[in-house]
Amino acid sequence: MSASASATARRLAAAALAAGALVSVAALPASAADHARPAQPKVKISAVQYDSPGRDDRSNRSLNSEWVELTNTTRQSVNLNGWTLKDESGHTYTFDRYRLAGRATVRIHTGVGRDTRTDLYQDRRAYVWNNDHDTATLRNDRGRFVDDESWGHRRGGNRH
């Protein structure tokens, strides 16, 4: 093998090693991203009782039997200050000074009541959630879509 062939072979080998190193460096962030933790805690609408049991007589008991449950699926608590829960007609409940503990659930009732760690009240004297169809939409304090739950004949599309 001549000296020039040997030099060419060394250059090709060096180029192949350099290319392999570049590919492996470029692949590192992608594999690291696979194991990254979520940037924000996840809160979801876990249940909706849109048709309170019994007659719809607008009593406080009946109104409070209509509710939406939110669940924090992470271990970290989430500050829900300024978050909103809204129906298709525009009835909006805004969370005020409430922190949902990690792995906890809170129930937001339509009627009047005393807020606790597990139950919040919209203090309304009329029903919010339609029995035949509606959508409960949860947004964070920046107005960004978090989750929604639909029922009835309009079920299907998420409205972000």
C-alpha atoms as a PDB file:
ATOM      1  CA  MET A   1       0.000   0.000   0.000  1.00  0.00           C
ATOM      2  CA  SER A   2       1.464   3.355  -1.001  1.00  0.00           C
ATOM      3  CA  ALA A   3       1.893   6.273   1.350  1.00  0.00           C
ATOM      4  CA  SER A   4      -0.825   8.263  -0.380  1.00  0.00           C
ATOM      5  CA  ALA A   5      -3.297   5.348  -0.172  1.00  0.00           C
ATOM      6  CA  SER A   6      -2.486   4.979   3.511  1.00  0.00           C
ATOM      7  CA  ALA A   7      -3.037   8.706   4.123  1.00  0.00           C
ATOM      8  CA  THR A   8      -6.341   8.559   2.217  1.00  0.00           C
ATOM      9  CA  ALA A   9      -7.470   5.578   4.301  1.00  0.00           C
ATOM     10  CA  ARG A  10      -6.604   7.450   7.521  1.00  0.00           C
ATOM     11  CA  ARG A  11      -8.535  10.546   6.348  1.00  0.00           C
ATOM     12  CA  LEU A  12     -11.585   8.415   5.501  1.00  0.00           C
ATOM     13  CA  ALA A  13     -11.427   6.679   8.884  1.00  0.00           C
ATOM     14  CA  ALA A  14     -11.109  10.041  10.681  1.00  0.00           C
ATOM     15  CA  ALA A  15     -14.041  11.453   8.702  1.00  0.00           C
ATOM     16  CA  ALA A  16     -16.178   8.418   9.558  1.00  0.00           C
ATOM     17  CA  LEU A  17     -15.335   8.737  13.264  1.00  0.00           C
ATOM     18  CA  ALA A  18     -16.105  12.465  13.236  1.00  0.00           C
ATOM     19  CA  ALA A  19     -19.440  11.865  11.498  1.00  0.00           C
ATOM     20  CA  GLY A  20     -20.316   9.181  14.052  1.00  0.00           C
ATOM     21  CA  ALA A  21     -19.459  11.536  16.903  1.00  0.00           C
ATOM     22  CA  LEU A  22     -21.677  14.261  15.439  1.00  0.00           C
ATOM     23  CA  VAL A  23     -24.605  11.860  15.056  1.00  0.00           C
ATOM     24  CA  SER A  24     -24.304  10.657  18.642  1.00  0.00           C
ATOM     25  CA  VAL A  25     -24.079  14.232  20.005  1.00  0.00           C
ATOM     26  CA  ALA A  26     -27.153  15.252  17.996  1.00  0.00           C
ATOM     27  CA  ALA A  27     -29.067  12.249  19.359  1.00  0.00           C
ATOM     28  CA  LEU A  28     -28.352  13.051  23.009  1.00  0.00           C
ATOM     29  CA  PRO A  29     -30.897  15.842  23.466  1.00  0.00           C
ATOM     30  CA  ALA A  30     -33.652  13.736  21.879  1.00  0.00           C
ATOM     31  CA  SER A  31     -33.060  10.822  24.232  1.00  0.00           C
ATOM     32  CA  ALA A  32     -32.686  13.151  27.210  1.00  0.00           C
ATOM     33  CA  ALA A  33     -35.994  14.809  26.327  1.00  0.00           C
ATOM     34  CA  ASP A  34     -37.714  11.426  26.532  1.00  0.00           C
ATOM     35  CA  HIS A  35     -36.926  11.344  30.237  1.00  0.00           C
ATOM     36  CA  ALA A  36     -37.656  14.982  31.063  1.00  0.00           C
ATOM     37  CA  ARG A  37     -40.251  15.775  33.716  1.00  0.00           C
ATOM     38  CA  PRO A  38     -43.389  17.654  32.697  1.00  0.00           C
ATOM     39  CA  ALA A  39     -42.964  21.426  32.973  1.00  0.00           C
ATOM     40  CA  GLN A  40     -46.310  21.964  34.713  1.00  0.00           C
ATOM     41  CA  PRO A  41     -48.436  19.837  37.020  1.00  0.00           C
ATOM     42  CA  LYS A  42     -51.421  18.178  35.334  1.00  0.00           C
ATOM     43  CA  VAL A  43     -54.931  18.998  36.497  1.00  0.00           C
ATOM     44  CA  LYS A  44     -57.857  17.325  34.765  1.00  0.00           C
ATOM     45  CA  ILE A  45     -61.638  17.227  34.874  1.00  0.00           C
ATOM     46  CA  SER A  46     -62.145  13.805  36.439  1.00  0.00           C
ATOM     47  CA  ALA A  47     -65.966  13.693  36.747  1.00  0.00           C
ATOM     48  CA  VAL A  48     -69.093  15.745  36.069  1.00  0.00           C
ATOM     49  CA  GLN A  49     -72.512  15.389  37.697  1.00  0.00           C
ATOM     50  CA  TYR A  50     -74.486  17.580  35.285  1.00  0.00           C
ATOM     51  CA  ASP A  51     -77.952  16.199  36.083  1.00  0.00           C
ATOM     52  CA  SER A  52     -78.550  16.442  39.818  1.00  0.00           C
ATOM     53  CA  PRO A  53     -80.508  13.442  41.151  1.00  0.00           C
ATOM     54  CA  GLY A  54     -84.234  13.967  41.696  1.00  0.00           C
ATOM     55  CA  ARG A  55     -86.343  16.864  40.524  1.00  0.00           C
ATOM     56  CA  ASP A  56     -84.695  20.036  39.261  1.00  0.00           C
ATOM     57  CA  ASP A  57     -86.436  22.290  41.797  1.00  0.00           C
ATOM     58  CA  ARG A  58     -83.628  24.879  42.133  1.00  0.00           C
ATOM     59  CA  SER A  59     -83.270  24.142  45.844  1.00  0.00           C
ATOM     60  CA  ASN A  60     -79.766  24.626  47.198  1.00  0.00           C
ATOM     61  CA  ARG A  61     -79.583  20.881  47.847  1.00  0.00           C
ATOM     62  CA  SER A  62     -80.392  20.146  44.186  1.00  0.00           C
ATOM     63  CA  LEU A  63     -78.020  22.850  42.925  1.00  0.00           C
ATOM     64  CA  ASN A  64     -75.173  21.427  45.017  1.00  0.00           C
ATOM     65  CA  SER A  65     -75.834  17.961  43.594  1.00  0.00           C
ATOM     66  CA  GLU A  66     -74.649  19.400  40.268  1.00  0.00           C
ATOM     67  CA  TRP A  67     -70.844  19.538  40.285  1.00  0.00           C
ATOM     68  CA  VAL A  68     -67.541  19.170  38.434  1.00  0.00           C
ATOM     69  CA  GLU A  69     -64.544  17.363  39.932  1.00  0.00           C
ATOM     70  CA  LEU A  70     -60.944  18.337  39.256  1.00  0.00           C
ATOM     71  CA  THR A  71     -58.059  16.016  40.073  1.00  0.00           C
ATOM     72  CA  ASN A  72     -54.371  16.874  40.399  1.00  0.00           C
ATOM     73  CA  THR A  73     -52.583  13.834  38.947  1.00  0.00           C
ATOM     74  CA  THR A  74     -49.132  14.833  40.218  1.00  0.00           C
ATOM     75  CA  ARG A  75     -47.487  14.901  43.621  1.00  0.00           C
ATOM     76  CA  GLN A  76     -46.979  18.690  43.580  1.00  0.00           C
ATOM     77  CA  SER A  77     -49.711  21.082  44.667  1.00  0.00           C
ATOM     78  CA  VAL A  78     -51.110  23.430  42.015  1.00  0.00           C
ATOM     79  CA  ASN A  79     -52.144  27.031  42.622  1.00  0.00           C
ATOM     80  CA  LEU A  80     -55.517  27.429  40.862  1.00  0.00           C
ATOM     81  CA  ASN A  81     -55.734  31.187  41.544  1.00  0.00           C
ATOM     82  CA  GLY A  82     -57.310  32.807  38.486  1.00  0.00           C
ATOM     83  CA  TRP A  83     -58.142  29.506  36.734  1.00  0.00           C
ATOM     84  CA  THR A  84     -61.638  29.293  35.243  1.00  0.00           C
ATOM     85  CA  LEU A  85     -64.299  26.633  34.780  1.00  0.00           C
ATOM     86  CA  LYS A  86     -66.815  27.573  32.085  1.00  0.00           C
ATOM     87  CA  ASP A  87     -69.860  26.099  30.329  1.00  0.00           C
ATOM     88  CA  GLU A  88     -70.956  26.546  26.693  1.00  0.00           C
ATOM     89  CA  SER A  89     -73.309  29.399  27.653  1.00  0.00           C
ATOM     90  CA  GLY A  90     -70.481  31.402  29.215  1.00  0.00           C
ATOM     91  CA  HIS A  91     -71.234  30.825  32.910  1.00  0.00           C
ATOM     92  CA  THR A  92     -67.775  31.135  34.452  1.00  0.00           C
ATOM     93  CA  TYR A  93     -66.431  30.211  37.871  1.00  0.00           C
ATOM     94  CA  THR A  94     -63.042  31.760  38.722  1.00  0.00           C
ATOM     95  CA  PHE A  95     -60.901  30.119  41.394  1.00  0.00           C
ATOM     96  CA  ASP A  96     -59.815  32.503  44.135  1.00  0.00           C
ATOM     97  CA  ARG A  97     -57.060  31.674  46.629  1.00  0.00           C
ATOM     98  CA  TYR A  98     -57.226  27.934  46.184  1.00  0.00           C
ATOM     99  CA  ARG A  99     -54.358  25.447  46.032  1.00  0.00           C
ATOM    100  CA  LEU A 100     -55.116  21.863  44.977  1.00  0.00           C
ATOM    101  CA  ALA A 101     -52.854  19.454  46.843  1.00  0.00           C
ATOM    102  CA  GLY A 102     -50.917  16.748  45.042  1.00  0.00           C
ATOM    103  CA  ARG A 103     -52.953  13.643  44.132  1.00  0.00           C
ATOM    104  CA  ALA A 104     -56.082  15.428  45.451  1.00  0.00           C
ATOM    105  CA  THR A 105     -59.564  16.035  44.054  1.00  0.00           C
ATOM    106  CA  VAL A 106     -61.853  19.016  44.567  1.00  0.00           C
ATOM    107  CA  ARG A 107     -65.570  19.161  43.741  1.00  0.00           C
ATOM    108  CA  ILE A 108     -66.988  22.474  42.477  1.00  0.00           C
ATOM    109  CA  HIS A 109     -70.718  22.657  43.315  1.00  0.00           C
ATOM    110  CA  THR A 110     -73.166  24.986  41.579  1.00  0.00           C
ATOM    111  CA  GLY A 111     -75.095  26.165  44.662  1.00  0.00           C
ATOM    112  CA  VAL A 112     -74.289  28.070  47.825  1.00  0.00           C
ATOM    113  CA  GLY A 113     -71.999  26.664  50.512  1.00  0.00           C
ATOM    114  CA  ARG A 114     -68.892  27.091  52.614  1.00  0.00           C
ATOM    115  CA  ASP A 115     -65.672  26.357  50.732  1.00  0.00           C
ATOM    116  CA  THR A 116     -63.448  23.604  52.137  1.00  0.00           C
ATOM    117  CA  ARG A 117     -60.310  21.835  50.967  1.00  0.00           C
ATOM    118  CA  THR A 118     -62.399  19.250  49.068  1.00  0.00           C
ATOM    119  CA  ASP A 119     -65.524  21.245  48.106  1.00  0.00           C
ATOM    120  CA  LEU A 120     -65.892  24.665  46.488  1.00  0.00           C
ATOM    121  CA  TYR A 121     -69.158  26.488  45.753  1.00  0.00           C
ATOM    122  CA  GLN A 122     -70.082  28.778  42.861  1.00  0.00           C
ATOM    123  CA  ASP A 123     -72.808  30.406  45.030  1.00  0.00           C
ATOM    124  CA  ARG A 124     -75.365  30.384  42.195  1.00  0.00           C
ATOM    125  CA  ARG A 125     -79.138  30.191  42.519  1.00  0.00           C
ATOM    126  CA  ALA A 126     -79.659  28.563  39.097  1.00  0.00           C
ATOM    127  CA  TYR A 127     -78.276  25.484  37.318  1.00  0.00           C
ATOM    128  CA  VAL A 128     -75.172  25.844  35.157  1.00  0.00           C
ATOM    129  CA  TRP A 129     -74.685  22.500  33.414  1.00  0.00           C
ATOM    130  CA  ASN A 130     -77.294  21.511  30.807  1.00  0.00           C
ATOM    131  CA  ASN A 131     -78.672  17.987  31.213  1.00  0.00           C
ATOM    132  CA  ASP A 132     -78.988  17.267  27.469  1.00  0.00           C
ATOM    133  CA  HIS A 133     -75.592  18.582  26.302  1.00  0.00           C
ATOM    134  CA  ASP A 134     -72.848  20.906  27.464  1.00  0.00           C
ATOM    135  CA  THR A 135     -69.082  21.223  27.808  1.00  0.00           C
ATOM    136  CA  ALA A 136     -67.130  22.031  30.965  1.00  0.00           C
ATOM    137  CA  THR A 137     -63.876  23.786  30.020  1.00  0.00           C
ATOM    138  CA  LEU A 138     -60.974  24.372  32.397  1.00  0.00           C
ATOM    139  CA  ARG A 139     -58.422  27.102  31.629  1.00  0.00           C
ATOM    140  CA  ASN A 140     -55.393  28.236  33.611  1.00  0.00           C
ATOM    141  CA  ASP A 141     -54.707  31.762  34.882  1.00  0.00           C
ATOM    142  CA  ARG A 142     -53.263  32.725  31.483  1.00  0.00           C
ATOM    143  CA  GLY A 143     -56.408  31.619  29.673  1.00  0.00           C
ATOM    144  CA  ARG A 144     -54.719  28.543  28.208  1.00  0.00           C
ATOM    145  CA  PHE A 145     -56.780  25.408  27.686  1.00  0.00           C
ATOM    146  CA  VAL A 146     -56.162  22.724  30.328  1.00  0.00           C
ATOM    147  CA  ASP A 147     -58.999  20.188  29.894  1.00  0.00           C
ATOM    148  CA  ASP A 148     -62.644  19.815  28.936  1.00  0.00           C
ATOM    149  CA  GLU A 149     -65.460  17.301  29.277  1.00  0.00           C
ATOM    150  CA  SER A 150     -68.495  17.146  26.976  1.00  0.00           C
ATOM    151  CA  TRP A 151     -71.762  15.208  27.095  1.00  0.00           C
ATOM    152  CA  GLY A 152     -74.924  14.878  25.040  1.00  0.00           C
ATOM    153  CA  HIS A 153     -75.415  15.195  21.289  1.00  0.00           C
ATOM    154  CA  ARG A 154     -72.624  17.735  20.835  1.00  0.00           C
ATOM    155  CA  ARG A 155     -70.055  15.331  22.260  1.00  0.00           C
ATOM    156  CA  GLY A 156     -66.887  14.896  20.281  1.00  0.00           C
ATOM    157  CA  GLY A 157     -64.694  17.874  19.608  1.00  0.00           C
ATOM    158  CA  ASN A 158     -62.518  19.570  22.150  1.00  0.00           C
ATOM    159  CA  ARG A 159     -62.908  23.313  21.879  1.00  0.00           C
ATOM    160  CA  HIS A 160     -59.530  24.784  22.750  1.00  0.00           C
END
